[in-house]
Every structure is written in structure tokens, then in C-alpha cells.
């Protein structure tokens, strides 16, 4: 595998784009040879991407017509997933005692990221928006060895 891989997609800020973002990330990880099905990590990534994309659609109040999902894998060790929108307001952390049916996306993302040994950052963009990014430790699986002793591509 390469020392550094990157991929990106820009989607409309529409509820249907949440599923498209999740599908894009899972497909890209599969292309990069990372396990994407039947693993706890793959399920965690799907949920994190869903929450990040949902936040980009729901909490920008129509002021961000699109959002971008960026993926980067460095040396088979660190997977970064960032979602960027053009709305300037940073996510708010809710008090633990607040009883609401929604608004818990960042709590879920933060918890899942920490459970995987990763970290969450939020940073402003030059254009006045923000990027919510998670970084997870990741080790790509070894490729199977063929009968001739060669690793499969």
C-alpha cells in the first residue's frame, strides 16, 4: 500500500447525501484494501460518517449548500475522515443532563472516536466554515499469500 492515500467527495446539503457519504467512504476504504464489512471498526466508521454528514446537513441552517468528505490514510497507520461545510458556527457540546431526542451527534462521534483510540478536532477553514475531523489508528490487514509464496495484489 502507498505511504499516503487521499480521496474526497463534495455532496449537496441534502438528507439523501448522508447515505451517499457513507457509501462513498465504505467504497473508498474497500478500494484501499481495508476491511469494510462485518467488523466493529467498519461499523464504527459508518456511524461516525453518518453523524458527521447529518450534522453538516441539519445544523448549517441552509447556509452551506454543500459539504465535503475527505479521507486520508497515512502509512497504513492513521485514517482521517473530515467533513467540511461553509457554515461558521462550531458544534456545541450539550450538557449531559439535557433530555433531547436529537442533538447528540457530536457526543456519539466523540465517544466512538475515543473508544477506537482516536481523536476528534474541529477547525475553521480559510473560507469561514469548519472541518470536523476524526483520526483513528488503523493497521491495514496483511494480504493473503498465494501458493507460490507471493502476496496477492
N, C-alpha and C. Protein backbone atom coordinates (compact mmCIF):
# COMPACT_ATOMS: atom_id res chain seq x y z
N UNK A 1 0.85 -1.18 0.00
CA UNK A 1 0.00 0.00 0.00
C UNK A 1 0.89 1.23 0.00
N UNK A 2 0.37 2.29 -0.57
CA UNK A 2 1.10 3.54 -0.65
C UNK A 2 1.28 4.15 0.73
N UNK A 3 2.28 5.04 0.85
CA UNK A 3 2.50 5.73 2.12
C UNK A 3 1.37 6.68 2.46
N UNK A 4 0.71 7.21 1.43
CA UNK A 4 -0.36 8.18 1.68
C UNK A 4 -1.41 8.07 0.59
N UNK A 5 -2.66 7.90 0.99
CA UNK A 5 -3.78 7.86 0.07
C UNK A 5 -4.78 8.93 0.47
N UNK A 6 -5.39 9.57 -0.52
CA UNK A 6 -6.41 10.58 -0.25
C UNK A 6 -7.58 10.40 -1.20
N UNK A 7 -8.75 10.79 -0.74
CA UNK A 7 -9.95 10.79 -1.56
C UNK A 7 -10.89 11.85 -1.01
N UNK A 8 -11.76 12.36 -1.88
CA UNK A 8 -12.65 13.42 -1.47
C UNK A 8 -13.90 13.41 -2.34
N UNK A 9 -15.03 13.79 -1.74
CA UNK A 9 -16.27 13.95 -2.49
C UNK A 9 -17.02 15.14 -1.91
N UNK A 10 -17.64 15.92 -2.79
CA UNK A 10 -18.48 17.03 -2.35
C UNK A 10 -19.92 16.69 -2.72
N UNK A 11 -20.79 16.85 -1.74
CA UNK A 11 -22.20 16.47 -1.89
C UNK A 11 -23.11 17.63 -1.53
N UNK A 12 -24.33 17.64 -2.07
CA UNK A 12 -25.28 18.69 -1.68
C UNK A 12 -25.73 18.51 -0.24
N UNK A 13 -26.02 19.60 0.44
CA UNK A 13 -26.52 19.53 1.82
C UNK A 13 -27.98 19.11 1.79
N UNK A 14 -28.17 17.84 1.60
CA UNK A 14 -29.49 17.24 1.46
C UNK A 14 -29.50 15.94 2.27
N UNK A 15 -30.61 15.60 2.90
CA UNK A 15 -30.63 14.37 3.69
C UNK A 15 -30.19 13.12 2.92
N UNK A 16 -30.46 13.05 1.62
CA UNK A 16 -30.04 11.88 0.83
C UNK A 16 -28.53 11.77 0.74
N UNK A 17 -27.83 12.86 0.96
CA UNK A 17 -26.37 12.86 0.87
C UNK A 17 -25.71 12.14 2.05
N UNK A 18 -26.43 11.95 3.14
CA UNK A 18 -25.87 11.22 4.28
C UNK A 18 -25.55 9.79 3.85
N UNK A 19 -26.49 9.14 3.20
CA UNK A 19 -26.27 7.78 2.71
C UNK A 19 -25.18 7.76 1.64
N UNK A 20 -25.18 8.77 0.76
CA UNK A 20 -24.15 8.84 -0.29
C UNK A 20 -22.76 8.99 0.32
N UNK A 21 -22.63 9.79 1.38
CA UNK A 21 -21.34 9.97 2.05
C UNK A 21 -20.87 8.65 2.66
N UNK A 22 -21.77 7.97 3.32
CA UNK A 22 -21.43 6.68 3.94
C UNK A 22 -21.00 5.67 2.87
N UNK A 23 -21.75 5.60 1.78
CA UNK A 23 -21.42 4.68 0.69
C UNK A 23 -20.07 5.01 0.07
N UNK A 24 -19.79 6.31 -0.10
CA UNK A 24 -18.52 6.74 -0.67
C UNK A 24 -17.35 6.31 0.23
N UNK A 25 -17.48 6.55 1.52
CA UNK A 25 -16.40 6.20 2.45
C UNK A 25 -16.17 4.69 2.46
N UNK A 26 -17.22 3.91 2.57
CA UNK A 26 -17.08 2.45 2.60
C UNK A 26 -16.46 1.95 1.29
N UNK A 27 -16.90 2.49 0.16
CA UNK A 27 -16.34 2.08 -1.13
C UNK A 27 -14.87 2.44 -1.26
N UNK A 28 -14.51 3.61 -0.81
CA UNK A 28 -13.11 4.05 -0.86
C UNK A 28 -12.23 3.17 0.02
N UNK A 29 -12.70 2.88 1.23
CA UNK A 29 -11.91 2.02 2.12
C UNK A 29 -11.74 0.63 1.52
N UNK A 30 -12.77 0.13 0.84
CA UNK A 30 -12.66 -1.18 0.18
C UNK A 30 -11.61 -1.12 -0.94
N UNK A 31 -11.60 -0.04 -1.72
CA UNK A 31 -10.60 0.13 -2.77
C UNK A 31 -9.19 0.16 -2.20
N UNK A 32 -9.05 0.71 -1.01
CA UNK A 32 -7.75 0.79 -0.37
C UNK A 32 -7.36 -0.51 0.32
N UNK A 33 -8.21 -1.51 0.23
CA UNK A 33 -7.90 -2.81 0.80
C UNK A 33 -8.18 -2.94 2.27
N UNK A 34 -8.97 -2.03 2.82
CA UNK A 34 -9.29 -2.09 4.24
C UNK A 34 -10.58 -2.85 4.45
N UNK A 35 -10.70 -3.57 5.54
CA UNK A 35 -11.93 -4.33 5.78
C UNK A 35 -13.10 -3.37 5.97
N UNK A 36 -14.19 -3.62 5.25
CA UNK A 36 -15.32 -2.71 5.33
C UNK A 36 -16.61 -3.39 5.73
N UNK A 37 -16.59 -4.68 5.93
CA UNK A 37 -17.83 -5.34 6.33
C UNK A 37 -17.56 -6.33 7.46
N UNK A 38 -18.56 -6.51 8.25
CA UNK A 38 -18.53 -7.47 9.35
C UNK A 38 -17.40 -7.23 10.34
N UNK A 39 -17.03 -5.97 10.56
CA UNK A 39 -16.06 -5.66 11.59
C UNK A 39 -16.60 -4.51 12.44
N UNK A 40 -16.22 -4.52 13.69
CA UNK A 40 -16.65 -3.44 14.58
C UNK A 40 -16.13 -2.08 14.10
N UNK A 41 -14.90 -2.07 13.60
CA UNK A 41 -14.32 -0.81 13.15
C UNK A 41 -15.08 -0.27 11.94
N UNK A 42 -15.42 -1.13 11.00
CA UNK A 42 -16.18 -0.69 9.83
C UNK A 42 -17.54 -0.14 10.25
N UNK A 43 -18.19 -0.80 11.19
CA UNK A 43 -19.48 -0.31 11.68
C UNK A 43 -19.32 1.04 12.37
N UNK A 44 -18.26 1.19 13.14
CA UNK A 44 -17.99 2.46 13.82
C UNK A 44 -17.77 3.57 12.81
N UNK A 45 -17.00 3.30 11.77
CA UNK A 45 -16.74 4.31 10.75
C UNK A 45 -18.03 4.70 10.04
N UNK A 46 -18.87 3.72 9.73
CA UNK A 46 -20.16 4.03 9.09
C UNK A 46 -20.99 4.97 9.97
N UNK A 47 -21.05 4.68 11.26
CA UNK A 47 -21.84 5.51 12.16
C UNK A 47 -21.23 6.91 12.30
N UNK A 48 -19.92 6.99 12.43
CA UNK A 48 -19.26 8.30 12.53
C UNK A 48 -19.53 9.14 11.29
N UNK A 49 -19.37 8.55 10.10
CA UNK A 49 -19.62 9.28 8.86
C UNK A 49 -21.08 9.72 8.78
N UNK A 50 -21.99 8.85 9.19
CA UNK A 50 -23.41 9.21 9.18
C UNK A 50 -23.68 10.41 10.08
N UNK A 51 -23.09 10.40 11.27
CA UNK A 51 -23.31 11.51 12.20
C UNK A 51 -22.66 12.81 11.70
N UNK A 52 -21.44 12.71 11.16
CA UNK A 52 -20.77 13.90 10.63
C UNK A 52 -21.56 14.51 9.47
N UNK A 53 -22.00 13.66 8.55
CA UNK A 53 -22.76 14.15 7.39
C UNK A 53 -24.12 14.70 7.82
N UNK A 54 -24.77 14.03 8.75
CA UNK A 54 -26.06 14.52 9.25
C UNK A 54 -25.90 15.90 9.87
N UNK A 55 -24.85 16.08 10.66
CA UNK A 55 -24.60 17.40 11.25
C UNK A 55 -24.38 18.46 10.17
N UNK A 56 -23.63 18.11 9.12
CA UNK A 56 -23.37 19.07 8.05
C UNK A 56 -24.66 19.45 7.32
N UNK A 57 -25.61 18.55 7.24
CA UNK A 57 -26.88 18.83 6.57
C UNK A 57 -27.85 19.57 7.51
N UNK A 58 -28.00 19.09 8.73
CA UNK A 58 -29.03 19.61 9.63
C UNK A 58 -28.66 20.90 10.35
N UNK A 59 -27.42 21.08 10.69
CA UNK A 59 -27.05 22.18 11.57
C UNK A 59 -26.40 23.37 10.88
N UNK A 60 -26.46 23.39 9.55
CA UNK A 60 -25.93 24.55 8.84
C UNK A 60 -27.04 25.50 8.41
N UNK A 61 -28.27 25.14 8.73
CA UNK A 61 -29.43 26.01 8.52
C UNK A 61 -29.52 26.55 7.10
N UNK A 62 -29.22 25.70 6.12
CA UNK A 62 -29.31 26.09 4.72
C UNK A 62 -28.23 27.05 4.27
N UNK A 63 -27.28 27.38 5.13
CA UNK A 63 -26.23 28.33 4.78
C UNK A 63 -25.00 27.66 4.16
N UNK A 64 -25.01 26.35 4.08
CA UNK A 64 -23.93 25.64 3.42
C UNK A 64 -24.57 24.74 2.36
N UNK A 65 -24.53 25.14 1.09
CA UNK A 65 -25.21 24.36 0.06
C UNK A 65 -24.60 22.99 -0.20
N UNK A 66 -23.33 22.83 0.19
CA UNK A 66 -22.65 21.54 0.01
C UNK A 66 -21.81 21.24 1.24
N UNK A 67 -21.35 20.00 1.33
CA UNK A 67 -20.33 19.63 2.30
C UNK A 67 -19.38 18.66 1.62
N UNK A 68 -18.16 18.60 2.13
CA UNK A 68 -17.13 17.76 1.53
C UNK A 68 -16.64 16.74 2.55
N UNK A 69 -16.49 15.51 2.09
CA UNK A 69 -15.94 14.44 2.91
C UNK A 69 -14.54 14.14 2.37
N UNK A 70 -13.55 14.27 3.23
CA UNK A 70 -12.16 13.98 2.87
C UNK A 70 -11.68 12.78 3.65
N UNK A 71 -10.96 11.90 2.97
CA UNK A 71 -10.36 10.72 3.59
C UNK A 71 -8.86 10.75 3.33
N UNK A 72 -8.09 10.33 4.32
CA UNK A 72 -6.65 10.20 4.13
C UNK A 72 -6.17 9.02 4.97
N UNK A 73 -5.33 8.20 4.37
CA UNK A 73 -4.72 7.08 5.08
C UNK A 73 -3.21 7.26 4.97
N UNK A 74 -2.55 7.39 6.12
CA UNK A 74 -1.10 7.60 6.16
C UNK A 74 -0.39 6.35 6.64
N UNK A 75 0.47 5.84 5.79
CA UNK A 75 1.35 4.71 6.12
C UNK A 75 0.63 3.55 6.80
N UNK A 76 -0.59 3.30 6.39
CA UNK A 76 -1.38 2.21 6.97
C UNK A 76 -1.48 2.31 8.48
N UNK A 77 -1.35 3.52 9.02
CA UNK A 77 -1.37 3.68 10.47
C UNK A 77 -2.47 4.61 10.96
N UNK A 78 -2.79 5.65 10.18
CA UNK A 78 -3.75 6.66 10.63
C UNK A 78 -4.78 6.91 9.54
N UNK A 79 -6.03 6.74 9.88
CA UNK A 79 -7.12 7.06 8.98
C UNK A 79 -7.76 8.36 9.45
N UNK A 80 -7.84 9.35 8.56
CA UNK A 80 -8.51 10.61 8.88
C UNK A 80 -9.73 10.76 8.02
N UNK A 81 -10.82 11.16 8.64
CA UNK A 81 -12.05 11.47 7.93
C UNK A 81 -12.50 12.84 8.40
N UNK A 82 -12.64 13.75 7.45
CA UNK A 82 -13.08 15.10 7.77
C UNK A 82 -14.30 15.47 6.96
N UNK A 83 -15.21 16.19 7.59
CA UNK A 83 -16.37 16.73 6.89
C UNK A 83 -16.33 18.24 7.04
N UNK A 84 -16.32 18.92 5.89
CA UNK A 84 -16.21 20.37 5.85
C UNK A 84 -17.50 20.97 5.29
N UNK A 85 -17.99 22.00 5.98
CA UNK A 85 -19.12 22.77 5.45
C UNK A 85 -18.76 24.24 5.54
N UNK A 86 -19.59 25.08 4.94
CA UNK A 86 -19.26 26.51 4.88
C UNK A 86 -19.96 27.34 5.96
N UNK A 87 -20.63 26.69 6.90
CA UNK A 87 -21.28 27.42 7.98
C UNK A 87 -20.24 27.71 9.07
N UNK A 88 -20.18 28.95 9.59
CA UNK A 88 -19.13 29.30 10.54
C UNK A 88 -19.34 28.78 11.97
N UNK A 89 -20.56 28.41 12.34
CA UNK A 89 -20.81 28.01 13.72
C UNK A 89 -20.21 26.63 14.02
N UNK A 90 -19.43 26.58 15.09
CA UNK A 90 -18.84 25.32 15.53
C UNK A 90 -19.90 24.50 16.26
N UNK A 91 -19.74 23.17 16.28
CA UNK A 91 -20.68 22.33 17.03
C UNK A 91 -20.67 22.70 18.51
N UNK A 92 -21.83 22.59 19.13
CA UNK A 92 -21.94 22.87 20.56
C UNK A 92 -22.00 21.56 21.33
N UNK A 93 -21.33 21.55 22.46
CA UNK A 93 -21.39 20.38 23.34
C UNK A 93 -22.57 20.56 24.27
N UNK A 94 -23.46 19.58 24.28
CA UNK A 94 -24.64 19.64 25.14
C UNK A 94 -24.31 19.16 26.55
N UNK A 95 -24.96 19.74 27.55
CA UNK A 95 -24.79 19.21 28.91
C UNK A 95 -25.34 17.78 28.97
N UNK A 96 -24.70 16.94 29.75
CA UNK A 96 -25.09 15.54 29.84
C UNK A 96 -26.52 15.36 30.34
N UNK A 97 -27.02 16.31 31.13
CA UNK A 97 -28.34 16.15 31.71
C UNK A 97 -29.48 16.55 30.77
N UNK A 98 -29.16 17.14 29.62
CA UNK A 98 -30.20 17.59 28.71
C UNK A 98 -30.91 16.37 28.11
N UNK A 99 -32.22 16.36 28.24
CA UNK A 99 -33.01 15.27 27.67
C UNK A 99 -33.59 15.73 26.34
N UNK A 100 -33.02 15.27 25.26
CA UNK A 100 -33.48 15.62 23.93
C UNK A 100 -33.51 14.37 23.07
N UNK A 101 -34.35 14.42 22.03
CA UNK A 101 -34.40 13.32 21.09
C UNK A 101 -33.31 13.43 20.02
N UNK A 102 -32.77 14.62 19.85
CA UNK A 102 -31.70 14.78 18.86
C UNK A 102 -30.64 15.71 19.45
N UNK A 103 -29.62 16.01 18.64
CA UNK A 103 -28.57 16.90 19.12
C UNK A 103 -27.43 16.19 19.82
N UNK A 104 -27.37 14.90 19.71
CA UNK A 104 -26.32 14.13 20.38
C UNK A 104 -25.23 13.64 19.43
N UNK A 105 -25.23 14.12 18.19
CA UNK A 105 -24.28 13.63 17.19
C UNK A 105 -22.84 13.77 17.61
N UNK A 106 -22.46 14.94 18.11
CA UNK A 106 -21.06 15.15 18.50
C UNK A 106 -20.68 14.30 19.70
N UNK A 107 -21.61 14.07 20.60
CA UNK A 107 -21.33 13.20 21.75
C UNK A 107 -21.04 11.79 21.25
N UNK A 108 -21.85 11.32 20.31
CA UNK A 108 -21.66 9.98 19.74
C UNK A 108 -20.33 9.90 19.01
N UNK A 109 -20.04 10.89 18.18
CA UNK A 109 -18.79 10.89 17.42
C UNK A 109 -17.58 10.90 18.35
N UNK A 110 -17.63 11.77 19.35
CA UNK A 110 -16.52 11.88 20.30
C UNK A 110 -16.30 10.56 21.05
N UNK A 111 -17.38 9.94 21.48
CA UNK A 111 -17.29 8.69 22.24
C UNK A 111 -16.75 7.56 21.36
N UNK A 112 -17.31 7.41 20.15
CA UNK A 112 -16.86 6.34 19.26
C UNK A 112 -15.39 6.51 18.87
N UNK A 113 -15.00 7.75 18.60
CA UNK A 113 -13.62 8.02 18.24
C UNK A 113 -12.67 7.67 19.39
N UNK A 114 -13.03 8.07 20.59
CA UNK A 114 -12.20 7.77 21.77
C UNK A 114 -12.14 6.27 22.01
N UNK A 115 -13.25 5.57 21.82
CA UNK A 115 -13.27 4.12 22.02
C UNK A 115 -12.29 3.40 21.09
N UNK A 116 -12.07 3.98 19.91
CA UNK A 116 -11.14 3.40 18.93
C UNK A 116 -9.71 3.88 19.13
N UNK A 117 -9.49 4.71 20.15
CA UNK A 117 -8.15 5.24 20.39
C UNK A 117 -7.80 6.43 19.52
N UNK A 118 -8.82 7.08 18.98
CA UNK A 118 -8.59 8.20 18.09
C UNK A 118 -8.86 9.53 18.74
N UNK A 119 -8.90 10.56 17.91
CA UNK A 119 -9.17 11.90 18.43
C UNK A 119 -10.06 12.66 17.45
N UNK A 120 -10.76 13.65 17.98
CA UNK A 120 -11.66 14.49 17.21
C UNK A 120 -11.15 15.92 17.28
N UNK A 121 -11.15 16.59 16.14
CA UNK A 121 -10.78 18.01 16.11
C UNK A 121 -11.81 18.78 15.28
N UNK A 122 -11.97 20.03 15.62
CA UNK A 122 -12.80 20.94 14.83
C UNK A 122 -11.95 22.17 14.57
N UNK A 123 -11.83 22.53 13.31
CA UNK A 123 -11.00 23.69 12.97
C UNK A 123 -11.70 24.54 11.92
N UNK A 124 -11.43 25.84 11.95
CA UNK A 124 -12.03 26.72 10.95
C UNK A 124 -11.34 26.54 9.60
N UNK A 125 -12.08 26.84 8.54
CA UNK A 125 -11.49 26.85 7.20
C UNK A 125 -11.16 28.30 6.82
N UNK A 126 -10.33 28.46 5.83
CA UNK A 126 -9.97 29.81 5.36
C UNK A 126 -11.18 30.55 4.81
N UNK A 127 -12.15 29.79 4.32
CA UNK A 127 -13.33 30.38 3.71
C UNK A 127 -14.40 30.76 4.73
N UNK A 128 -14.15 30.49 6.00
CA UNK A 128 -15.10 30.87 7.04
C UNK A 128 -15.99 29.75 7.54
N UNK A 129 -15.82 28.55 7.03
CA UNK A 129 -16.59 27.39 7.50
C UNK A 129 -15.81 26.64 8.56
N UNK A 130 -16.03 25.33 8.60
CA UNK A 130 -15.33 24.50 9.58
C UNK A 130 -15.16 23.08 9.04
N UNK A 131 -14.19 22.39 9.60
CA UNK A 131 -13.98 20.97 9.32
C UNK A 131 -14.02 20.23 10.64
N UNK A 132 -14.87 19.21 10.71
CA UNK A 132 -14.91 18.31 11.85
C UNK A 132 -14.18 17.05 11.39
N UNK A 133 -13.11 16.71 12.09
CA UNK A 133 -12.23 15.64 11.63
C UNK A 133 -11.99 14.62 12.74
N UNK A 134 -12.01 13.36 12.36
CA UNK A 134 -11.61 12.31 13.29
C UNK A 134 -10.36 11.66 12.73
N UNK A 135 -9.50 11.23 13.63
CA UNK A 135 -8.32 10.46 13.24
C UNK A 135 -8.30 9.20 14.08
N UNK A 136 -8.20 8.07 13.39
CA UNK A 136 -8.20 6.77 14.05
C UNK A 136 -6.91 6.03 13.74
N UNK A 137 -6.38 5.30 14.72
CA UNK A 137 -5.27 4.41 14.39
C UNK A 137 -5.81 3.28 13.51
N UNK A 138 -5.04 2.89 12.52
CA UNK A 138 -5.52 1.85 11.62
C UNK A 138 -4.35 1.05 11.10
N UNK A 139 -4.47 -0.23 11.15
CA UNK A 139 -3.48 -1.11 10.55
C UNK A 139 -4.18 -1.90 9.46
N UNK A 140 -3.71 -1.75 8.24
CA UNK A 140 -4.31 -2.48 7.13
C UNK A 140 -4.01 -3.96 7.30
N UNK A 141 -4.96 -4.81 6.94
CA UNK A 141 -4.74 -6.24 7.08
C UNK A 141 -3.66 -6.72 6.12
N UNK A 142 -2.94 -7.75 6.53
CA UNK A 142 -1.94 -8.34 5.65
C UNK A 142 -2.66 -8.98 4.47
N UNK A 143 -2.06 -8.89 3.31
CA UNK A 143 -2.66 -9.51 2.14
C UNK A 143 -2.39 -11.00 2.18
N UNK A 144 -3.36 -11.82 1.73
CA UNK A 144 -3.16 -13.27 1.73
C UNK A 144 -1.98 -13.65 0.86
N UNK A 145 -1.30 -14.71 1.24
CA UNK A 145 -0.16 -15.22 0.46
C UNK A 145 -0.67 -16.35 -0.40
N UNK A 146 -0.28 -16.36 -1.69
CA UNK A 146 -0.70 -17.41 -2.62
C UNK A 146 0.13 -18.66 -2.41
N UNK A 147 -0.22 -19.71 -3.12
CA UNK A 147 0.51 -20.98 -3.03
C UNK A 147 1.96 -20.84 -3.46
N UNK A 148 2.27 -19.85 -4.30
CA UNK A 148 3.65 -19.66 -4.77
C UNK A 148 4.46 -18.81 -3.80
N UNK A 149 3.83 -18.36 -2.70
CA UNK A 149 4.55 -17.58 -1.72
C UNK A 149 4.50 -16.09 -1.98
N UNK A 150 3.79 -15.65 -3.00
CA UNK A 150 3.66 -14.23 -3.33
C UNK A 150 2.42 -13.64 -2.67
N UNK A 151 2.52 -12.38 -2.26
CA UNK A 151 1.33 -11.71 -1.72
C UNK A 151 0.40 -11.36 -2.87
N UNK A 152 -0.90 -11.54 -2.62
CA UNK A 152 -1.90 -11.16 -3.61
C UNK A 152 -1.93 -9.65 -3.73
N UNK A 153 -2.18 -9.13 -4.93
CA UNK A 153 -2.23 -7.67 -5.11
C UNK A 153 -3.41 -7.06 -4.42
